[in-house]
Each structure stands twice: as structure tokens, then as C-alpha cells.
Amino acid sequence: MKIKILLCASLLTTAVIGGCRTPIKEVRTPYDSPLPPGQYALRKITNPHEIPDFTMACLDLADLRTAINNSLNYLRKPSSRRFFPSGQITHSLAVDSLNEFAKMLDSGLTGRQLNEAIRNRFNVYMSVGCDGRGTVLFTGYYTPIFNGSLERSERFRYPLYTTPDDLVKGPDGQILGRRQADGKISPYPPRAVIENSLMLRGKELAWLSDPFEAYIAHVQGSAKLRLPDGKMINVGYSANNGHEYKSVAEELVRDGRISGERISLSAMIDYFKMHKEQVDNYLRRNPRFVFFKKEDSPPLGCLNEPVTPMRTIATDKSIFPRGCLTFISTSLPSIVGGSAVNQLYSGFVLDQDAGGAIRAPGRCDVYLGQGETAGKLAGQTYQEGRLYYLFLKSTANIGGF
């Protein structure tokens, strides 16, 4: 994501795809509740009986080593050090923990043996969640594949833009605003102003054939485009206009356009195909606007490293340590007989991304891959669960959080 809003992260916030998800609850659980002042997002588990059983996750290690290598590559960059310590997690502890876990994988340990080794060598920390008791909402995100063009035509009329020259960022990539002719910085205009004024004319990167597809690319933070000659290109997140994300799905439900029980990404796509005249009205209710760049690599997360399906998560990077090894326990959908069916899931993942709708310790977005199937799964991902971080005992003399 950078923030891949991706981001990360996230077609809807607490009501639909944050990721993407299913029904909006009548009584909204405050998953995005911020941490109280002075509190850490992670709490060390001191009771061995509260440490999860990793055995099932230790039987499925596909692509885990690759994801760990991506995190280690990020942590080798000098720029990564400025984000540590994160809480009380040091940069060296993050690196040592990943290296040790990688050695354990390379040793051939699996199943119960690996579970036992992890419990012996690692301390386990749990996200405090939205309620101080560890409740985390898991949603899903993906990389869509759309038809597109590098030239405007009658068919391809909806642009994705590159970052404008007058957008000002801070040293950590935060959006400061728009630089005026006199050098002063003002808030960057919201989506509606950007689109109505055509102020970005000349900054078009690519063109899509459908306005809602362009919006999905904004929310997911990346896309693969199939050009008219059949060539595929990747476009990824570059920056945003600094405005807070607002859920279009919640707006549709609030206006009675789609019921809370039916709301999903596919339902929104179908609705806007039938009601093209309403697309601009709803999309412009979300003031956040994303800028893109062409990428030669696979989809990247906010660490500027590749994201790996089922091995990358997006969290709030202001409170969680970047690139670290985590373990999730929740329910995730899988395709069974052509339908998405929720099943209990536990697995090791790396914290490698961020999302515009992924805020606070009670939110986590799981990267589910590329294309239509991944989008279908992302659209059904909306489950509570637990989020854990693993750090090496031998160097983790950092006390309880």
C-alpha cells in the first residue's frame, strides 16, 4: 500500500470491504477505537495456557519463507531504522526474530515439532484489539485485474493519475498538503474538486473503461491492467490527497440503495452498472483520492516490498512494528463448490502493509491475491479474531507491555 489502501487496504471501513466484507451490523462494534494515551498496542502473554497452539499453522508453510525474506530485505534498508523502536520492540529484535524463525523453517521442522520449538524460543504478544481483550476485525484486500489503456479513447475515459507536482509530503511520507504559488501549504482538494476541476489534466497514467473500476483501484491501492494489445502492466500506490477515507458502502446502505444484509463488492458493482447516473454522486462522498505509479514488480506493500497472498497483512503502522512475524487466528473464506465458504483459519503472516481504513489495534487486513477469485474472497472477509506477534526470547528482555 504505501499505503496500499492497499491499501492496503479496504473498499469499505467498518461496514463492508476494508477489505471488503459482508453485512453491516445494526449496533456497530468500535473496531477502530484508538489506543488510550500511553498504552501499547501489544501485550505480552505471560500465561503459557493463553499462548495459541501453532500446530495446524506449522503444517502449512507455503510461501512463508519468501514473505520472511521480503521483510528482512526491508529491515536491511537504513530507512527502516527510523520506525524503531516501535513501542518497546527494537530494530535488532525484529531482525533477530525473523532470522531465527527462518532458520527453524530451513531446518525442516513442521507440525508439532515446530510448534514446540516456537513456544520454547519465542515470546508471544497479542494485539490489545478494540476492547483491550484482543478482539480484532479481519477484512481482506486484493489486486484487481481490469481492462485498461495508456491512451484515452471512447471506451477508456476514466483516468488514474500520477502524483501531482504540488503535493507536499513529510519526511515519513505523510501528506502535508498542496504547495501554493506563494510557497504556503494548504489542504489538498478533496475528490470532488479534483475531478470536477480537471486540475490534474496531463497527469494521467492510464485509463479505465468504468468509473467504479477506477475507484476500486483507488481503494485497493493497486491494479493489474490488461492493455488492448494483451500486455499486462502493474500500477501501484504512490500517494493520496491527505483526506480521511469515507465508506461508499455505508452511504449506499444509509440511503437504502442496498440492504445491509446484501452489501458486498459484487453487489456494489451490480448496482452501479444498473445506475450509472449515481456513480459520481456516491464516489465523491469519499474525499480521499489516490495517485498511482507504474510498477515493474509484483504488487508492493507500504514497505515497498512484494505482498504475498495469505502471508501479508496490513495494520496501523503508527502502532504496530513493521515487517514483523505475526500469527492470526480467525475465519477466512475459501472457494468450495464455486462459493465462498468461511472456515476457521490460523497461519503465520508478515506485517508488511497499511491501509487507509485500517486504523487502531482492532483492525487487520489480509492480502488475498490477484484477480476475480481473490476479489470474491475479499468481499466475504469480515470476521473477528486474534492477532499475535512473535519475538525471540533470547534477546527479548523487554518486559511486559
Protein backbone atom coordinates (compact mmCIF):
# COMPACT_ATOMS: atom_id res chain seq x y z
CA MET A 1 0.00 0.00 0.00
CA LYS A 2 2.25 2.73 0.65
CA ILE A 3 -0.48 2.87 1.93
CA LYS A 4 -1.86 0.49 -0.32
CA ILE A 5 -5.16 1.17 0.92
CA LEU A 6 -3.94 -1.26 -0.20
CA LEU A 7 -4.32 -0.12 0.64
CA CYS A 8 -3.93 -1.66 1.81
CA ALA A 9 -6.08 -1.96 2.38
CA SER A 10 -10.35 -1.72 2.26
CA LEU A 11 -13.07 -0.79 -0.05
CA LEU A 12 -15.16 -0.20 2.99
CA THR A 13 -14.25 0.68 6.52
CA THR A 14 -16.19 -0.88 9.32
CA ALA A 15 -19.09 -1.76 7.13
CA VAL A 16 -18.03 -3.56 4.07
CA ILE A 17 -14.87 -4.37 2.31
CA GLY A 18 -11.95 -2.84 4.19
CA GLY A 19 -11.01 -5.30 2.50
CA CYS A 20 -14.48 -5.97 1.60
CA ARG A 21 -17.00 -7.53 3.76
CA THR A 22 -20.48 -8.68 4.28
CA PRO A 23 -23.32 -7.33 6.38
CA ILE A 24 -23.29 -4.08 8.28
CA LYS A 25 -24.27 -4.61 11.90
CA GLU A 26 -27.09 -2.57 13.39
CA VAL A 27 -25.01 -1.98 16.52
CA ARG A 28 -21.58 -1.06 15.34
CA THR A 29 -18.64 -2.54 17.22
CA PRO A 30 -15.97 0.17 17.62
CA TYR A 31 -13.19 -1.79 15.89
CA ASP A 32 -11.42 1.46 15.04
CA SER A 33 -11.25 2.67 18.65
CA PRO A 34 -7.86 4.36 19.14
CA LEU A 35 -5.40 3.34 21.81
CA PRO A 36 -5.75 5.23 25.08
CA PRO A 37 -2.88 7.69 25.61
CA GLY A 38 0.30 5.96 26.75
CA GLN A 39 -0.94 2.43 26.05
CA TYR A 40 0.89 -0.04 23.81
CA ALA A 41 -0.83 -1.96 21.04
CA LEU A 42 0.79 -5.23 22.12
CA ARG A 43 0.56 -7.10 25.41
CA LYS A 44 2.96 -9.90 26.31
CA ILE A 45 1.28 -13.20 27.12
CA THR A 46 2.70 -14.45 30.42
CA ASN A 47 0.33 -17.39 31.00
CA PRO A 48 1.53 -20.33 28.84
CA HIS A 49 -2.05 -21.61 28.61
CA GLU A 50 -3.06 -18.43 26.75
CA ILE A 51 -0.46 -18.92 24.03
CA PRO A 52 -2.19 -20.27 20.90
CA ASP A 53 -1.43 -23.72 19.52
CA PHE A 54 0.58 -23.18 16.33
CA THR A 55 0.49 -26.82 15.19
CA MET A 56 -2.02 -26.51 12.33
CA ALA A 57 -0.26 -23.41 11.01
CA CYS A 58 3.03 -25.32 11.19
CA LEU A 59 1.66 -27.83 8.69
CA ASP A 60 1.11 -25.16 6.03
CA LEU A 61 4.28 -23.18 5.42
CA ALA A 62 3.90 -22.42 1.71
CA ASP A 63 5.42 -19.09 0.67
CA LEU A 64 6.22 -18.22 4.29
CA ARG A 65 9.98 -18.19 3.72
CA THR A 66 9.50 -15.86 0.74
CA ALA A 67 7.45 -13.44 2.83
CA ILE A 68 10.06 -13.52 5.61
CA ASN A 69 12.79 -12.72 3.09
CA ASN A 70 10.78 -9.70 1.92
CA SER A 71 10.57 -8.41 5.49
CA LEU A 72 14.27 -8.99 6.07
CA ASN A 73 15.07 -7.14 2.88
CA TYR A 74 13.05 -4.17 4.14
CA LEU A 75 14.76 -4.25 7.53
CA ARG A 76 18.19 -4.16 5.84
CA LYS A 77 17.36 -0.71 4.47
CA PRO A 78 18.77 2.07 6.66
CA SER A 79 15.47 3.93 6.36
CA SER A 80 13.67 1.14 8.27
CA ARG A 81 15.50 2.03 11.48
CA ARG A 82 13.66 5.31 11.91
CA PHE A 83 10.44 3.40 12.64
CA PHE A 84 12.01 1.63 15.63
CA PRO A 85 11.71 1.22 18.47
CA SER A 86 8.04 0.56 17.85
CA GLY A 87 6.59 0.62 21.32
CA GLN A 88 9.29 -1.40 23.03
CA ILE A 89 10.25 -3.51 20.00
CA THR A 90 13.74 -2.67 18.78
CA HIS A 91 15.01 -2.96 15.24
CA SER A 92 17.56 -5.61 16.22
CA LEU A 93 14.88 -7.69 17.95
CA ALA A 94 12.71 -7.60 14.85
CA VAL A 95 15.64 -8.74 12.67
CA ASP A 96 16.85 -11.43 15.08
CA SER A 97 13.35 -12.84 15.44
CA LEU A 98 12.85 -13.18 11.69
CA ASN A 99 16.29 -14.71 11.17
CA GLU A 100 15.71 -17.28 13.90
CA PHE A 101 12.31 -18.23 12.57
CA ALA A 102 13.77 -18.58 9.07
CA LYS A 103 16.45 -20.93 10.42
CA MET A 104 13.76 -23.03 12.06
CA LEU A 105 11.92 -23.30 8.76
CA ASP A 106 15.13 -24.20 6.94
CA SER A 107 15.82 -26.95 9.49
CA GLY A 108 12.78 -28.83 8.19
CA LEU A 109 10.73 -28.64 11.39
CA THR A 110 6.98 -28.84 10.82
CA GLY A 111 3.81 -29.67 12.74
CA ARG A 112 4.14 -30.41 16.44
CA GLN A 113 7.93 -30.17 16.41
CA LEU A 114 7.87 -26.68 15.00
CA ASN A 115 5.08 -25.69 17.38
CA GLU A 116 7.17 -26.85 20.33
CA ALA A 117 10.26 -25.03 19.06
CA ILE A 118 8.32 -21.80 18.65
CA ARG A 119 6.92 -22.00 22.17
CA ASN A 120 10.40 -22.63 23.54
CA ARG A 121 12.22 -19.87 21.65
CA PHE A 122 9.68 -17.09 21.21
CA ASN A 123 7.70 -14.76 23.39
CA VAL A 124 4.17 -14.17 22.14
CA TYR A 125 2.43 -10.80 22.20
CA MET A 126 -1.22 -10.17 21.47
CA SER A 127 -2.84 -7.09 19.99
CA VAL A 128 -4.98 -5.45 22.66
CA GLY A 129 -7.67 -5.15 19.98
CA CYS A 130 -10.57 -2.75 20.03
CA ASP A 131 -11.66 -3.66 23.56
CA GLY A 132 -8.45 -4.28 25.48
CA ARG A 133 -9.22 -8.02 25.37
CA GLY A 134 -7.77 -8.81 21.97
CA THR A 135 -10.77 -8.50 19.64
CA VAL A 136 -9.61 -7.69 16.10
CA LEU A 137 -11.74 -7.34 12.97
CA PHE A 138 -10.19 -9.11 9.97
CA THR A 139 -11.06 -7.95 6.47
CA GLY A 140 -9.46 -8.75 3.12
CA TYR A 141 -7.94 -6.89 0.19
CA TYR A 142 -6.67 -7.89 -3.23
CA THR A 143 -5.20 -6.69 -6.51
CA PRO A 144 -7.93 -6.32 -9.17
CA ILE A 145 -7.33 -7.02 -12.87
CA PHE A 146 -9.05 -4.60 -15.25
CA ASN A 147 -9.00 -3.79 -18.94
CA GLY A 148 -7.21 -0.50 -19.46
CA SER A 149 -5.27 1.68 -21.87
CA LEU A 150 -2.34 4.09 -21.81
CA GLU A 151 -4.27 6.35 -24.19
CA ARG A 152 -7.69 7.94 -23.82
CA SER A 153 -10.37 6.65 -26.18
CA GLU A 154 -14.14 6.49 -26.42
CA ARG A 155 -14.03 3.24 -24.45
CA PHE A 156 -11.31 4.15 -21.94
CA ARG A 157 -12.34 7.50 -20.42
CA TYR A 158 -11.68 7.20 -16.67
CA PRO A 159 -8.12 8.07 -15.64
CA LEU A 160 -5.74 7.00 -12.91
CA TYR A 161 -3.37 9.86 -12.14
CA THR A 162 0.27 10.12 -11.17
CA THR A 163 1.29 12.17 -8.14
CA PRO A 164 0.91 15.92 -8.82
CA ASP A 165 3.95 18.15 -8.53
CA ASP A 166 2.30 20.41 -5.94
CA LEU A 167 1.61 17.60 -3.43
CA VAL A 168 3.84 18.01 -0.36
CA LYS A 169 4.94 15.06 1.78
CA GLY A 170 6.69 14.98 5.14
CA PRO A 171 9.89 13.01 5.89
CA ASP A 172 7.94 9.86 6.73
CA GLY A 173 5.67 10.13 3.69
CA GLN A 174 2.78 11.81 5.49
CA ILE A 175 0.71 14.14 3.33
CA LEU A 176 1.19 17.76 4.33
CA GLY A 177 -0.97 19.37 1.65
CA ARG A 178 -0.70 21.42 -1.55
CA ARG A 179 2.04 23.96 -2.17
CA GLN A 180 0.61 27.26 -3.39
CA ALA A 181 2.33 29.67 -5.78
CA ASP A 182 3.45 31.79 -2.81
CA GLY A 183 5.06 28.74 -1.15
CA LYS A 184 2.40 28.32 1.51
CA ILE A 185 0.89 24.89 2.09
CA SER A 186 -2.88 24.39 2.16
CA PRO A 187 -5.01 21.23 2.40
CA TYR A 188 -5.11 19.31 -0.86
CA PRO A 189 -8.54 19.40 -2.53
CA PRO A 190 -10.96 16.51 -1.96
CA ARG A 191 -12.02 14.02 -4.64
CA ALA A 192 -14.98 16.03 -5.91
CA VAL A 193 -12.89 19.16 -6.52
CA ILE A 194 -10.07 17.19 -8.14
CA GLU A 195 -12.45 15.51 -10.57
CA ASN A 196 -14.74 18.46 -11.30
CA SER A 197 -11.93 20.95 -11.90
CA LEU A 198 -9.82 18.69 -14.15
CA MET A 199 -6.86 20.15 -12.25
CA LEU A 200 -4.78 17.02 -12.90
CA ARG A 201 -5.13 17.10 -16.67
CA GLY A 202 -1.83 15.96 -18.17
CA LYS A 203 -1.00 13.72 -15.18
CA GLU A 204 -2.95 10.70 -16.47
CA LEU A 205 -1.09 7.40 -16.04
CA ALA A 206 -3.69 5.06 -17.57
CA TRP A 207 -7.36 4.96 -18.47
CA LEU A 208 -10.11 2.51 -17.49
CA SER A 209 -13.47 1.80 -19.09
CA ASP A 210 -15.58 2.04 -15.94
CA PRO A 211 -15.58 4.72 -13.21
CA PHE A 212 -16.26 2.26 -10.41
CA GLU A 213 -13.36 0.07 -11.53
CA ALA A 214 -11.14 3.14 -11.26
CA TYR A 215 -12.49 3.69 -7.75
CA ILE A 216 -11.79 0.06 -6.78
CA ALA A 217 -8.19 0.62 -7.85
CA HIS A 218 -8.11 3.66 -5.54
CA VAL A 219 -9.40 1.66 -2.60
CA GLN A 220 -7.25 -1.42 -3.13
CA GLY A 221 -4.24 0.76 -3.90
CA SER A 222 -3.03 -1.27 -6.86
CA ALA A 223 -4.26 -2.97 -10.01
CA LYS A 224 -3.13 -5.01 -12.98
CA LEU A 225 -4.24 -3.55 -16.29
CA ARG A 226 -4.77 -5.59 -19.45
CA LEU A 227 -3.94 -3.30 -22.37
CA PRO A 228 -5.65 -3.53 -25.79
CA ASP A 229 -2.62 -5.41 -27.22
CA GLY A 230 -2.88 -8.01 -24.46
CA LYS A 231 0.11 -6.75 -22.49
CA MET A 232 -0.29 -6.62 -18.70
CA ILE A 233 1.07 -3.75 -16.61
CA ASN A 234 1.05 -3.11 -12.88
CA VAL A 235 0.03 0.18 -11.32
CA GLY A 236 0.59 0.79 -7.64
CA TYR A 237 0.00 3.30 -4.90
CA SER A 238 2.15 6.42 -4.96
CA ALA A 239 0.39 8.90 -2.63
CA ASN A 240 -3.00 10.26 -1.60
CA ASN A 241 -4.52 13.70 -1.09
CA GLY A 242 -4.44 13.51 2.70
CA HIS A 243 -8.18 13.27 3.30
CA GLU A 244 -9.73 10.63 5.55
CA TYR A 245 -11.39 7.67 3.90
CA LYS A 246 -15.21 7.58 3.89
CA SER A 247 -17.09 4.37 3.08
CA VAL A 248 -19.21 4.45 -0.07
CA ALA A 249 -20.80 1.17 1.03
CA GLU A 250 -22.06 2.74 4.24
CA GLU A 251 -23.53 5.58 2.21
CA LEU A 252 -25.38 3.14 -0.07
CA VAL A 253 -26.81 1.29 2.91
CA ARG A 254 -27.73 4.50 4.73
CA ASP A 255 -29.65 5.71 1.66
CA GLY A 256 -31.45 2.39 1.32
CA ARG A 257 -29.89 1.61 -2.08
CA ILE A 258 -28.55 -1.78 -0.93
CA SER A 259 -29.58 -3.56 2.27
CA GLY A 260 -27.03 -4.18 4.98
CA GLU A 261 -27.53 -7.91 4.58
CA ARG A 262 -26.67 -7.79 0.87
CA ILE A 263 -23.88 -5.26 0.78
CA SER A 264 -20.68 -6.55 -0.82
CA LEU A 265 -18.26 -5.53 -3.52
CA SER A 266 -20.14 -7.57 -6.14
CA ALA A 267 -23.44 -6.01 -5.05
CA MET A 268 -21.95 -2.54 -5.45
CA ILE A 269 -20.59 -3.38 -8.90
CA ASP A 270 -24.00 -4.65 -9.98
CA TYR A 271 -25.79 -1.63 -8.53
CA PHE A 272 -23.59 0.92 -10.30
CA LYS A 273 -23.87 -0.94 -13.60
CA MET A 274 -27.64 -0.50 -13.35
CA HIS A 275 -27.46 3.07 -12.02
CA LYS A 276 -24.57 4.72 -13.85
CA GLU A 277 -26.04 8.16 -13.20
CA GLN A 278 -25.39 7.70 -9.45
CA VAL A 279 -21.73 6.72 -9.64
CA ASP A 280 -20.24 10.21 -9.38
CA ASN A 281 -22.56 11.23 -6.55
CA TYR A 282 -21.56 8.32 -4.35
CA LEU A 283 -17.88 8.08 -5.18
CA ARG A 284 -17.37 11.77 -4.49
CA ARG A 285 -18.72 11.36 -0.99
CA ASN A 286 -15.35 9.79 -0.24
CA PRO A 287 -12.92 12.75 -0.26
CA ARG A 288 -9.82 10.55 -0.30
CA PHE A 289 -8.07 10.39 -3.68
CA VAL A 290 -5.17 8.10 -4.59
CA PHE A 291 -2.32 8.70 -7.02
CA PHE A 292 -0.51 5.90 -8.84
CA LYS A 293 2.75 4.96 -10.49
CA LYS A 294 3.68 2.25 -12.95
CA GLU A 295 5.47 -0.69 -11.35
CA ASP A 296 7.59 -3.36 -12.99
CA SER A 297 7.39 -5.56 -9.91
CA PRO A 298 4.50 -7.51 -8.39
CA PRO A 299 2.12 -5.58 -6.08
CA LEU A 300 4.03 -3.88 -3.27
CA GLY A 301 3.04 -3.08 0.28
CA CYS A 302 3.85 0.03 2.30
CA LEU A 303 7.35 -1.36 2.99
CA ASN A 304 7.99 -1.17 -0.77
CA GLU A 305 8.36 -4.96 -0.78
CA PRO A 306 6.15 -7.52 -2.57
CA VAL A 307 2.98 -8.62 -0.81
CA THR A 308 2.33 -12.37 -0.65
CA PRO A 309 -1.18 -13.88 -0.76
CA MET A 310 -2.19 -15.24 2.65
CA ARG A 311 1.21 -14.21 4.07
CA THR A 312 0.91 -10.40 4.13
CA ILE A 313 -1.30 -8.34 6.41
CA ALA A 314 -1.99 -4.62 6.64
CA THR A 315 -2.16 -2.95 10.06
CA ASP A 316 -1.91 0.52 11.54
CA LYS A 317 1.79 1.26 11.14
CA SER A 318 1.69 4.04 13.70
CA ILE A 319 1.23 1.48 16.48
CA PHE A 320 2.49 -1.90 15.20
CA PRO A 321 6.12 -2.85 14.35
CA ARG A 322 6.81 -3.00 10.63
CA GLY A 323 7.76 -6.21 8.86
CA CYS A 324 7.46 -8.44 11.91
CA LEU A 325 6.30 -12.04 12.19
CA THR A 326 2.69 -12.43 13.26
CA PHE A 327 0.13 -15.17 13.75
CA ILE A 328 -3.57 -14.76 13.05
CA SER A 329 -6.48 -16.81 14.31
CA THR A 330 -9.86 -16.09 12.71
CA SER A 331 -12.21 -17.35 9.99
CA LEU A 332 -11.43 -16.73 6.32
CA PRO A 333 -13.40 -17.67 3.21
CA SER A 334 -12.26 -20.27 0.71
CA ILE A 335 -13.86 -21.39 -2.54
CA VAL A 336 -15.90 -24.57 -2.09
CA GLY A 337 -18.08 -25.71 -4.97
CA GLY A 338 -17.84 -22.30 -6.61
CA SER A 339 -18.96 -20.42 -3.50
CA ALA A 340 -17.02 -18.61 -0.79
CA VAL A 341 -17.37 -20.51 2.49
CA ASN A 342 -15.98 -19.28 5.82
CA GLN A 343 -13.68 -21.70 7.60
CA LEU A 344 -11.57 -21.49 10.75
CA TYR A 345 -8.10 -20.34 9.86
CA SER A 346 -4.78 -19.90 11.64
CA GLY A 347 -1.49 -19.04 10.00
CA PHE A 348 1.79 -17.17 10.14
CA VAL A 349 1.82 -13.86 8.28
CA LEU A 350 4.11 -10.82 8.00
CA ASP A 351 3.06 -7.29 8.87
CA GLN A 352 4.05 -5.66 5.58
CA ASP A 353 1.30 -3.27 4.59
CA ALA A 354 -1.03 -0.47 5.68
CA GLY A 355 -4.47 0.78 4.67
CA GLY A 356 -6.49 3.95 4.68
CA ALA A 357 -9.32 2.19 6.51
CA ILE A 358 -7.02 0.12 8.71
CA ARG A 359 -6.66 2.14 11.90
CA ALA A 360 -6.15 1.25 15.56
CA PRO A 361 -5.32 -2.11 17.19
CA GLY A 362 -8.72 -3.60 16.38
CA ARG A 363 -8.26 -3.78 12.58
CA CYS A 364 -6.29 -6.06 10.29
CA ASP A 365 -6.47 -6.59 6.51
CA VAL A 366 -5.31 -9.87 4.92
CA TYR A 367 -3.91 -9.82 1.37
CA LEU A 368 -5.75 -12.47 -0.65
CA GLY A 369 -4.07 -12.25 -4.05
CA GLN A 370 -4.90 -11.04 -7.54
CA GLY A 371 -7.92 -11.23 -9.81
CA GLU A 372 -11.59 -12.11 -9.67
CA THR A 373 -11.40 -15.06 -7.25
CA ALA A 374 -9.31 -13.07 -4.78
CA GLY A 375 -11.81 -10.22 -5.08
CA LYS A 376 -14.67 -12.60 -4.33
CA LEU A 377 -12.89 -13.85 -1.22
CA ALA A 378 -12.03 -10.31 -0.11
CA GLY A 379 -15.68 -9.39 -0.48
CA GLN A 380 -16.65 -12.09 2.02
CA THR A 381 -13.94 -11.43 4.62
CA TYR A 382 -15.37 -9.84 7.75
CA GLN A 383 -14.63 -11.82 10.91
CA GLU A 384 -13.37 -11.22 14.40
CA GLY A 385 -10.25 -12.99 15.60
CA ARG A 386 -6.91 -12.58 17.36
CA LEU A 387 -3.63 -11.06 16.15
CA TYR A 388 -0.32 -12.15 17.72
CA TYR A 389 3.32 -11.07 17.26
CA LEU A 390 6.30 -13.36 17.90
CA PHE A 391 9.67 -12.15 19.20
CA LEU A 392 12.76 -14.12 20.13
CA LYS A 393 13.16 -14.83 23.83
CA SER A 394 16.95 -14.76 23.90
CA THR A 395 17.08 -11.05 23.03
CA ALA A 396 13.59 -10.05 24.11
CA ASN A 397 14.35 -8.76 27.55
CA ILE A 398 11.73 -6.05 27.17
CA GLY A 399 9.29 -6.92 29.93
CA GLY A 400 5.52 -6.92 29.73
CA PHE A 401 3.58 -4.38 27.75
